[in-house]
Amino acid sequence: MFAAQILKMVIYLLAHKKKKKWDVVETMFWRTGGMPSSHSAVVCSLATSAGIYEGVDSNFFIFCLVFAMVVLRDSVGVRRAAGLQARALNNLGKQSAEKTGLVFRSVKEIQGHTPLEVFAGATLGILIAAVFHLVKLHLESQNRNLSFLFAAIFHLV
């Protein structure tokens, strides 16, 4: 998820010319939607890892796969549709408020994901799980474990 959020922040910074410090923080921690979908990355990484370590015929993998499918469907379908409906409701409310003079408070527009954003997140999650597994295999072939890798990373930081 962290890698997806970092990538999302980089894409945001490259796409928008006006960059405020708060926009960067908001994109990193609070803003929903955007490229790539971090939720898709997490659940696909989980399902891929479960398939690698537990086997694709395990109950845990099947559970993770179904969970991933629900999250992916929700990201591109339900949440996106709810956001589009909220936007239409806000437009209708603003038009009505202008005509009648009544006060209208907008509803929150939840931003879902486009199919491309979900696909990119899913691909990123699968790649992260596969690379992590390959690194683990490489370290094990040298009689080292992942704690060596984490110690090296934290030593650099």
N, C-alpha and C. Protein backbone atom coordinates (compact mmCIF):
# COMPACT_ATOMS: atom_id res chain seq x y z
N MET A 1 0.83 -1.18 0.00
CA MET A 1 0.00 0.00 0.00
C MET A 1 0.88 1.25 0.00
N PHE A 2 1.98 1.17 0.74
CA PHE A 2 2.87 2.31 0.82
C PHE A 2 3.44 2.66 -0.55
N ALA A 3 3.85 1.63 -1.30
CA ALA A 3 4.40 1.87 -2.64
C ALA A 3 3.36 2.49 -3.55
N ALA A 4 2.12 2.02 -3.46
CA ALA A 4 1.05 2.57 -4.30
C ALA A 4 0.77 4.03 -3.94
N GLN A 5 0.77 4.35 -2.65
CA GLN A 5 0.53 5.73 -2.24
C GLN A 5 1.67 6.65 -2.66
N ILE A 6 2.91 6.17 -2.58
CA ILE A 6 4.06 6.97 -3.04
C ILE A 6 3.93 7.22 -4.53
N LEU A 7 3.62 6.17 -5.28
CA LEU A 7 3.45 6.32 -6.73
C LEU A 7 2.31 7.28 -7.06
N LYS A 8 1.23 7.20 -6.30
CA LYS A 8 0.10 8.11 -6.49
C LYS A 8 0.51 9.56 -6.26
N MET A 9 1.33 9.77 -5.22
CA MET A 9 1.79 11.12 -4.92
C MET A 9 2.70 11.64 -6.03
N VAL A 10 3.58 10.81 -6.54
CA VAL A 10 4.47 11.22 -7.63
C VAL A 10 3.66 11.59 -8.87
N ILE A 11 2.68 10.77 -9.22
CA ILE A 11 1.83 11.06 -10.38
C ILE A 11 1.08 12.37 -10.17
N TYR A 12 0.57 12.60 -8.96
CA TYR A 12 -0.14 13.84 -8.65
C TYR A 12 0.78 15.05 -8.81
N LEU A 13 2.00 14.94 -8.29
CA LEU A 13 2.94 16.05 -8.38
C LEU A 13 3.32 16.36 -9.82
N LEU A 14 3.45 15.34 -10.64
CA LEU A 14 3.79 15.55 -12.05
C LEU A 14 2.61 16.10 -12.85
N ALA A 15 1.39 15.74 -12.46
CA ALA A 15 0.20 16.14 -13.22
C ALA A 15 -0.30 17.54 -12.86
N HIS A 16 -0.02 18.01 -11.65
CA HIS A 16 -0.55 19.30 -11.21
C HIS A 16 0.59 20.31 -11.06
N LYS A 17 0.39 21.45 -11.68
CA LYS A 17 1.43 22.48 -11.62
C LYS A 17 1.44 23.20 -10.28
N LYS A 18 0.26 23.49 -9.74
CA LYS A 18 0.18 24.13 -8.43
C LYS A 18 0.31 23.05 -7.37
N LYS A 19 1.35 23.16 -6.58
CA LYS A 19 1.59 22.16 -5.56
C LYS A 19 1.76 22.85 -4.21
N LYS A 20 0.83 22.59 -3.33
CA LYS A 20 0.95 23.09 -1.97
C LYS A 20 1.39 21.93 -1.09
N LYS A 21 2.04 22.25 0.00
CA LYS A 21 2.52 21.21 0.90
C LYS A 21 1.36 20.36 1.41
N TRP A 22 0.22 21.00 1.71
CA TRP A 22 -0.93 20.26 2.23
C TRP A 22 -1.49 19.32 1.17
N ASP A 23 -1.47 19.71 -0.11
CA ASP A 23 -1.96 18.83 -1.18
C ASP A 23 -1.16 17.53 -1.23
N VAL A 24 0.14 17.63 -1.04
CA VAL A 24 0.99 16.44 -1.06
C VAL A 24 0.64 15.52 0.11
N VAL A 25 0.49 16.09 1.30
CA VAL A 25 0.15 15.31 2.48
C VAL A 25 -1.24 14.70 2.32
N GLU A 26 -2.17 15.49 1.82
CA GLU A 26 -3.54 15.00 1.62
C GLU A 26 -3.57 13.86 0.61
N THR A 27 -2.81 13.99 -0.47
CA THR A 27 -2.76 12.93 -1.48
C THR A 27 -2.17 11.66 -0.88
N MET A 28 -1.17 11.82 -0.06
CA MET A 28 -0.50 10.65 0.51
C MET A 28 -1.37 9.90 1.51
N PHE A 29 -2.14 10.62 2.32
CA PHE A 29 -2.84 9.97 3.43
C PHE A 29 -4.36 9.96 3.35
N TRP A 30 -4.99 10.95 2.69
CA TRP A 30 -6.44 11.09 2.84
C TRP A 30 -7.23 11.02 1.55
N ARG A 31 -6.67 11.46 0.44
CA ARG A 31 -7.44 11.55 -0.79
C ARG A 31 -7.75 10.16 -1.34
N THR A 32 -9.01 9.95 -1.70
CA THR A 32 -9.39 8.65 -2.25
C THR A 32 -9.34 8.72 -3.77
N GLY A 33 -9.27 7.57 -4.37
CA GLY A 33 -9.20 7.50 -5.82
C GLY A 33 -7.80 7.82 -6.31
N GLY A 34 -7.66 7.86 -7.60
CA GLY A 34 -6.37 8.20 -8.19
C GLY A 34 -5.60 6.99 -8.67
N MET A 35 -4.53 7.28 -9.37
CA MET A 35 -3.70 6.25 -9.99
C MET A 35 -2.48 6.00 -9.15
N PRO A 36 -2.15 4.78 -8.81
CA PRO A 36 -2.91 3.54 -8.90
C PRO A 36 -3.77 3.35 -7.66
N SER A 37 -4.66 2.40 -7.70
CA SER A 37 -5.50 2.10 -6.55
C SER A 37 -4.68 1.34 -5.51
N SER A 38 -4.50 1.96 -4.34
CA SER A 38 -3.71 1.30 -3.30
C SER A 38 -4.47 0.13 -2.69
N HIS A 39 -5.80 0.22 -2.63
CA HIS A 39 -6.59 -0.91 -2.13
C HIS A 39 -6.41 -2.13 -3.04
N SER A 40 -6.43 -1.90 -4.33
CA SER A 40 -6.23 -2.99 -5.28
C SER A 40 -4.83 -3.59 -5.13
N ALA A 41 -3.85 -2.73 -4.91
CA ALA A 41 -2.48 -3.21 -4.74
C ALA A 41 -2.37 -4.10 -3.50
N VAL A 42 -2.98 -3.68 -2.40
CA VAL A 42 -2.88 -4.45 -1.16
C VAL A 42 -3.55 -5.81 -1.29
N VAL A 43 -4.79 -5.84 -1.78
CA VAL A 43 -5.50 -7.12 -1.82
C VAL A 43 -4.91 -8.07 -2.86
N CYS A 44 -4.39 -7.54 -3.96
CA CYS A 44 -3.77 -8.41 -4.96
C CYS A 44 -2.41 -8.92 -4.47
N SER A 45 -1.70 -8.10 -3.72
CA SER A 45 -0.45 -8.54 -3.11
C SER A 45 -0.73 -9.64 -2.08
N LEU A 46 -1.77 -9.46 -1.31
CA LEU A 46 -2.17 -10.47 -0.32
C LEU A 46 -2.53 -11.79 -1.00
N ALA A 47 -3.37 -11.73 -2.03
CA ALA A 47 -3.79 -12.95 -2.72
C ALA A 47 -2.60 -13.63 -3.40
N THR A 48 -1.72 -12.85 -4.01
CA THR A 48 -0.54 -13.42 -4.66
C THR A 48 0.37 -14.09 -3.64
N SER A 49 0.61 -13.42 -2.52
CA SER A 49 1.45 -14.01 -1.47
C SER A 49 0.83 -15.28 -0.92
N ALA A 50 -0.48 -15.27 -0.72
CA ALA A 50 -1.16 -16.47 -0.23
C ALA A 50 -1.02 -17.62 -1.24
N GLY A 51 -1.14 -17.29 -2.52
CA GLY A 51 -0.97 -18.32 -3.54
C GLY A 51 0.44 -18.88 -3.58
N ILE A 52 1.43 -18.02 -3.40
CA ILE A 52 2.83 -18.45 -3.43
C ILE A 52 3.17 -19.30 -2.20
N TYR A 53 2.79 -18.85 -1.03
CA TYR A 53 3.23 -19.50 0.21
C TYR A 53 2.30 -20.61 0.70
N GLU A 54 1.01 -20.49 0.45
CA GLU A 54 0.07 -21.49 0.92
C GLU A 54 -0.38 -22.44 -0.18
N GLY A 55 -0.19 -22.03 -1.43
CA GLY A 55 -0.63 -22.84 -2.57
C GLY A 55 -1.98 -22.37 -3.08
N VAL A 56 -2.17 -22.48 -4.39
CA VAL A 56 -3.42 -21.99 -4.98
C VAL A 56 -4.60 -22.90 -4.68
N ASP A 57 -4.33 -24.07 -4.11
CA ASP A 57 -5.43 -24.96 -3.73
C ASP A 57 -5.80 -24.86 -2.25
N SER A 58 -5.22 -23.88 -1.55
CA SER A 58 -5.51 -23.72 -0.12
C SER A 58 -6.76 -22.87 0.10
N ASN A 59 -7.39 -23.10 1.22
CA ASN A 59 -8.57 -22.31 1.59
C ASN A 59 -8.21 -20.85 1.80
N PHE A 60 -7.02 -20.60 2.35
CA PHE A 60 -6.60 -19.22 2.59
C PHE A 60 -6.45 -18.45 1.28
N PHE A 61 -5.87 -19.08 0.28
CA PHE A 61 -5.74 -18.42 -1.02
C PHE A 61 -7.12 -18.12 -1.62
N ILE A 62 -8.03 -19.08 -1.56
CA ILE A 62 -9.38 -18.88 -2.11
C ILE A 62 -10.05 -17.72 -1.39
N PHE A 63 -9.93 -17.67 -0.06
CA PHE A 63 -10.50 -16.57 0.70
C PHE A 63 -9.90 -15.24 0.24
N CYS A 64 -8.56 -15.17 0.12
CA CYS A 64 -7.89 -13.94 -0.30
C CYS A 64 -8.30 -13.54 -1.71
N LEU A 65 -8.45 -14.51 -2.59
CA LEU A 65 -8.85 -14.23 -3.96
C LEU A 65 -10.27 -13.64 -4.02
N VAL A 66 -11.19 -14.24 -3.27
CA VAL A 66 -12.57 -13.73 -3.25
C VAL A 66 -12.60 -12.34 -2.61
N PHE A 67 -11.84 -12.16 -1.54
CA PHE A 67 -11.74 -10.85 -0.89
C PHE A 67 -11.22 -9.81 -1.88
N ALA A 68 -10.18 -10.16 -2.63
CA ALA A 68 -9.62 -9.25 -3.64
C ALA A 68 -10.66 -8.91 -4.70
N MET A 69 -11.41 -9.89 -5.14
CA MET A 69 -12.42 -9.64 -6.17
C MET A 69 -13.50 -8.69 -5.66
N VAL A 70 -13.89 -8.85 -4.40
CA VAL A 70 -14.90 -7.95 -3.82
C VAL A 70 -14.36 -6.53 -3.74
N VAL A 71 -13.13 -6.38 -3.28
CA VAL A 71 -12.53 -5.05 -3.16
C VAL A 71 -12.36 -4.41 -4.54
N LEU A 72 -11.89 -5.17 -5.52
CA LEU A 72 -11.72 -4.64 -6.87
C LEU A 72 -13.05 -4.21 -7.46
N ARG A 73 -14.08 -5.02 -7.28
CA ARG A 73 -15.41 -4.69 -7.79
C ARG A 73 -15.97 -3.45 -7.11
N ASP A 74 -15.77 -3.37 -5.80
CA ASP A 74 -16.24 -2.21 -5.05
C ASP A 74 -15.53 -0.94 -5.51
N SER A 75 -14.22 -1.03 -5.73
CA SER A 75 -13.44 0.15 -6.14
C SER A 75 -13.93 0.72 -7.46
N VAL A 76 -14.17 -0.14 -8.42
CA VAL A 76 -14.50 0.33 -9.76
C VAL A 76 -16.01 0.48 -9.96
N GLY A 77 -16.79 -0.22 -9.17
CA GLY A 77 -18.23 -0.21 -9.38
C GLY A 77 -19.00 0.64 -8.40
N VAL A 78 -19.15 0.13 -7.20
CA VAL A 78 -20.04 0.74 -6.21
C VAL A 78 -19.56 2.13 -5.80
N ARG A 79 -18.28 2.24 -5.41
CA ARG A 79 -17.77 3.54 -4.94
C ARG A 79 -17.77 4.57 -6.05
N ARG A 80 -17.43 4.16 -7.26
CA ARG A 80 -17.42 5.10 -8.38
C ARG A 80 -18.84 5.56 -8.71
N ALA A 81 -19.79 4.62 -8.71
CA ALA A 81 -21.18 4.97 -9.00
C ALA A 81 -21.73 5.90 -7.92
N ALA A 82 -21.39 5.64 -6.66
CA ALA A 82 -21.85 6.51 -5.57
C ALA A 82 -21.27 7.92 -5.73
N GLY A 83 -20.01 8.01 -6.15
CA GLY A 83 -19.39 9.31 -6.36
C GLY A 83 -20.04 10.08 -7.51
N LEU A 84 -20.35 9.38 -8.59
CA LEU A 84 -21.00 10.02 -9.73
C LEU A 84 -22.41 10.48 -9.36
N GLN A 85 -23.13 9.68 -8.58
CA GLN A 85 -24.46 10.07 -8.14
C GLN A 85 -24.39 11.29 -7.21
N ALA A 86 -23.40 11.31 -6.33
CA ALA A 86 -23.24 12.46 -5.43
C ALA A 86 -22.94 13.73 -6.22
N ARG A 87 -22.12 13.61 -7.25
CA ARG A 87 -21.80 14.77 -8.09
C ARG A 87 -23.06 15.27 -8.80
N ALA A 88 -23.87 14.35 -9.33
CA ALA A 88 -25.11 14.75 -10.00
C ALA A 88 -26.07 15.40 -9.01
N LEU A 89 -26.15 14.85 -7.80
CA LEU A 89 -27.02 15.42 -6.77
C LEU A 89 -26.56 16.82 -6.38
N ASN A 90 -25.26 17.02 -6.27
CA ASN A 90 -24.72 18.35 -5.93
C ASN A 90 -25.02 19.36 -7.04
N ASN A 91 -24.87 18.95 -8.29
CA ASN A 91 -25.19 19.84 -9.42
C ASN A 91 -26.67 20.22 -9.41
N LEU A 92 -27.52 19.23 -9.19
CA LEU A 92 -28.97 19.48 -9.14
C LEU A 92 -29.30 20.40 -7.97
N GLY A 93 -28.68 20.16 -6.81
CA GLY A 93 -28.93 20.99 -5.64
C GLY A 93 -28.49 22.43 -5.83
N LYS A 94 -27.33 22.63 -6.47
CA LYS A 94 -26.84 23.98 -6.74
C LYS A 94 -27.77 24.72 -7.70
N GLN A 95 -28.22 24.02 -8.74
CA GLN A 95 -29.14 24.65 -9.70
C GLN A 95 -30.45 25.02 -9.02
N SER A 96 -30.96 24.12 -8.19
CA SER A 96 -32.21 24.41 -7.48
C SER A 96 -32.03 25.57 -6.50
N ALA A 97 -30.89 25.62 -5.83
CA ALA A 97 -30.63 26.69 -4.87
C ALA A 97 -30.55 28.03 -5.58
N GLU A 98 -29.95 28.07 -6.77
CA GLU A 98 -29.87 29.32 -7.54
C GLU A 98 -31.24 29.80 -7.97
N LYS A 99 -32.12 28.87 -8.34
CA LYS A 99 -33.46 29.25 -8.81
C LYS A 99 -34.38 29.64 -7.67
N THR A 100 -34.26 28.93 -6.55
CA THR A 100 -35.21 29.17 -5.45
C THR A 100 -34.67 30.08 -4.36
N GLY A 101 -33.36 30.24 -4.30
CA GLY A 101 -32.76 31.05 -3.25
C GLY A 101 -32.59 30.31 -1.94
N LEU A 102 -32.89 29.02 -1.92
CA LEU A 102 -32.71 28.22 -0.70
C LEU A 102 -31.24 27.85 -0.53
N VAL A 103 -30.87 27.54 0.69
CA VAL A 103 -29.50 27.14 0.99
C VAL A 103 -29.35 25.65 0.71
N PHE A 104 -28.28 25.29 0.03
CA PHE A 104 -28.00 23.89 -0.26
C PHE A 104 -26.60 23.56 0.23
N ARG A 105 -26.52 22.50 1.02
CA ARG A 105 -25.21 22.01 1.46
C ARG A 105 -24.86 20.77 0.64
N SER A 106 -23.71 20.81 0.03
CA SER A 106 -23.28 19.71 -0.83
C SER A 106 -23.01 18.45 -0.01
N VAL A 107 -23.27 17.31 -0.64
CA VAL A 107 -22.90 16.03 -0.04
C VAL A 107 -21.49 15.69 -0.47
N LYS A 108 -20.81 14.86 0.31
CA LYS A 108 -19.43 14.49 -0.01
C LYS A 108 -19.42 13.59 -1.24
N GLU A 109 -18.56 13.93 -2.18
CA GLU A 109 -18.41 13.13 -3.39
C GLU A 109 -17.26 12.16 -3.20
N ILE A 110 -17.60 10.90 -3.00
CA ILE A 110 -16.59 9.86 -2.82
C ILE A 110 -16.04 9.51 -4.20
N GLN A 111 -14.74 9.60 -4.31
CA GLN A 111 -14.12 9.33 -5.61
C GLN A 111 -13.72 7.86 -5.66
N GLY A 112 -14.33 7.13 -6.56
CA GLY A 112 -13.94 5.74 -6.78
C GLY A 112 -12.79 5.68 -7.77
N HIS A 113 -12.59 4.54 -8.36
CA HIS A 113 -11.49 4.36 -9.30
C HIS A 113 -12.01 4.01 -10.68
N THR A 114 -11.23 4.40 -11.68
CA THR A 114 -11.50 3.96 -13.05
C THR A 114 -10.95 2.54 -13.19
N PRO A 115 -11.40 1.81 -14.19
CA PRO A 115 -10.85 0.46 -14.39
C PRO A 115 -9.33 0.45 -14.58
N LEU A 116 -8.79 1.47 -15.25
CA LEU A 116 -7.34 1.53 -15.45
C LEU A 116 -6.60 1.70 -14.12
N GLU A 117 -7.13 2.53 -13.21
CA GLU A 117 -6.50 2.72 -11.91
C GLU A 117 -6.51 1.43 -11.09
N VAL A 118 -7.62 0.69 -11.16
CA VAL A 118 -7.72 -0.58 -10.45
C VAL A 118 -6.77 -1.60 -11.05
N PHE A 119 -6.69 -1.65 -12.38
CA PHE A 119 -5.78 -2.57 -13.06
C PHE A 119 -4.33 -2.26 -12.70
N ALA A 120 -3.97 -0.98 -12.69
CA ALA A 120 -2.60 -0.58 -12.34
C ALA A 120 -2.28 -0.96 -10.90
N GLY A 121 -3.21 -0.74 -9.98
CA GLY A 121 -2.99 -1.12 -8.59
C GLY A 121 -2.86 -2.62 -8.42
N ALA A 122 -3.71 -3.37 -9.11
CA ALA A 122 -3.65 -4.83 -9.03
C ALA A 122 -2.32 -5.34 -9.57
N THR A 123 -1.88 -4.80 -10.69
CA THR A 123 -0.61 -5.19 -11.28
C THR A 123 0.55 -4.86 -10.35
N LEU A 124 0.52 -3.68 -9.76
CA LEU A 124 1.56 -3.28 -8.82
C LEU A 124 1.60 -4.23 -7.62
N GLY A 125 0.45 -4.58 -7.09
CA GLY A 125 0.39 -5.50 -5.95
C GLY A 125 0.95 -6.87 -6.28
N ILE A 126 0.60 -7.40 -7.44
CA ILE A 126 1.12 -8.70 -7.87
C ILE A 126 2.64 -8.64 -8.04
N LEU A 127 3.12 -7.55 -8.66
CA LEU A 127 4.57 -7.41 -8.86
C LEU A 127 5.32 -7.28 -7.54
N ILE A 128 4.76 -6.53 -6.60
CA ILE A 128 5.42 -6.38 -5.29
C ILE A 128 5.52 -7.73 -4.59
N ALA A 129 4.44 -8.51 -4.59
CA ALA A 129 4.48 -9.83 -3.95
C ALA A 129 5.48 -10.74 -4.64
N ALA A 130 5.52 -10.72 -5.96
CA ALA A 130 6.45 -11.58 -6.70
C ALA A 130 7.90 -11.18 -6.44
N VAL A 131 8.18 -9.87 -6.46
CA VAL A 131 9.54 -9.40 -6.21
C VAL A 131 9.96 -9.74 -4.78
N PHE A 132 9.07 -9.55 -3.83
CA PHE A 132 9.38 -9.87 -2.44
C PHE A 132 9.72 -11.35 -2.31
N HIS A 133 8.96 -12.21 -2.99
CA HIS A 133 9.21 -13.65 -2.96
C HIS A 133 10.57 -13.98 -3.59
N LEU A 134 10.89 -13.35 -4.72
CA LEU A 134 12.18 -13.60 -5.37
C LEU A 134 13.35 -13.14 -4.50
N VAL A 135 13.19 -12.01 -3.83
CA VAL A 135 14.24 -11.53 -2.91
C VAL A 135 14.40 -12.52 -1.77
N LYS A 136 13.29 -13.01 -1.25
CA LYS A 136 13.34 -14.00 -0.16
C LYS A 136 14.07 -15.26 -0.62
N LEU A 137 13.77 -15.75 -1.81
CA LEU A 137 14.45 -16.93 -2.33
C LEU A 137 15.94 -16.69 -2.49
N HIS A 138 16.29 -15.52 -2.99
CA HIS A 138 17.70 -15.17 -3.18
C HIS A 138 18.43 -15.14 -1.84
N LEU A 139 17.83 -14.51 -0.84
CA LEU A 139 18.46 -14.43 0.48
C LEU A 139 18.60 -15.81 1.12
N GLU A 140 17.57 -16.65 0.94
CA GLU A 140 17.63 -18.00 1.49
C GLU A 140 18.73 -18.82 0.83
N SER A 141 18.98 -18.58 -0.47
CA SER A 141 20.04 -19.31 -1.16
C SER A 141 21.42 -18.92 -0.63
N GLN A 142 21.51 -17.76 0.00
CA GLN A 142 22.76 -17.30 0.59
C GLN A 142 22.77 -17.51 2.11
N ASN A 143 21.84 -18.34 2.58
CA ASN A 143 21.70 -18.65 4.01
C ASN A 143 21.45 -17.39 4.85
N ARG A 144 20.69 -16.48 4.32
CA ARG A 144 20.27 -15.29 5.06
C ARG A 144 18.75 -15.27 5.06
N ASN A 145 18.16 -14.55 6.00
CA ASN A 145 16.71 -14.44 6.00
C ASN A 145 16.31 -12.98 5.79
N LEU A 146 15.01 -12.74 5.79
CA LEU A 146 14.51 -11.39 5.52
C LEU A 146 14.88 -10.39 6.60
N SER A 147 15.16 -10.86 7.81
CA SER A 147 15.56 -9.91 8.86
C SER A 147 16.86 -9.21 8.47
N PHE A 148 17.72 -9.89 7.71
CA PHE A 148 18.94 -9.27 7.20
C PHE A 148 18.59 -8.11 6.27
N LEU A 149 17.61 -8.33 5.39
CA LEU A 149 17.19 -7.29 4.45
C LEU A 149 16.61 -6.09 5.21
N PHE A 150 15.73 -6.35 6.16
CA PHE A 150 15.13 -5.25 6.93
C PHE A 150 16.19 -4.49 7.73
N ALA A 151 17.15 -5.22 8.31
CA ALA A 151 18.22 -4.56 9.06
C ALA A 151 19.04 -3.66 8.14
N ALA A 152 19.31 -4.14 6.93
CA ALA A 152 20.08 -3.33 5.96
C ALA A 152 19.31 -2.08 5.56
N ILE A 153 18.00 -2.22 5.35
CA ILE A 153 17.17 -1.07 4.96
C ILE A 153 17.13 -0.05 6.09
N PHE A 154 16.88 -0.51 7.32
CA PHE A 154 16.77 0.42 8.44
C PHE A 154 18.12 1.03 8.79
N HIS A 155 19.19 0.34 8.49
CA HIS A 155 20.52 0.89 8.73
C HIS A 155 20.78 2.08 7.78
N LEU A 156 20.25 1.99 6.56
CA LEU A 156 20.41 3.06 5.60
C LEU A 156 19.60 4.30 5.96
N VAL A 157 18.48 4.09 6.63
CA VAL A 157 17.59 5.19 6.99
C VAL A 157 18.04 5.85 8.21
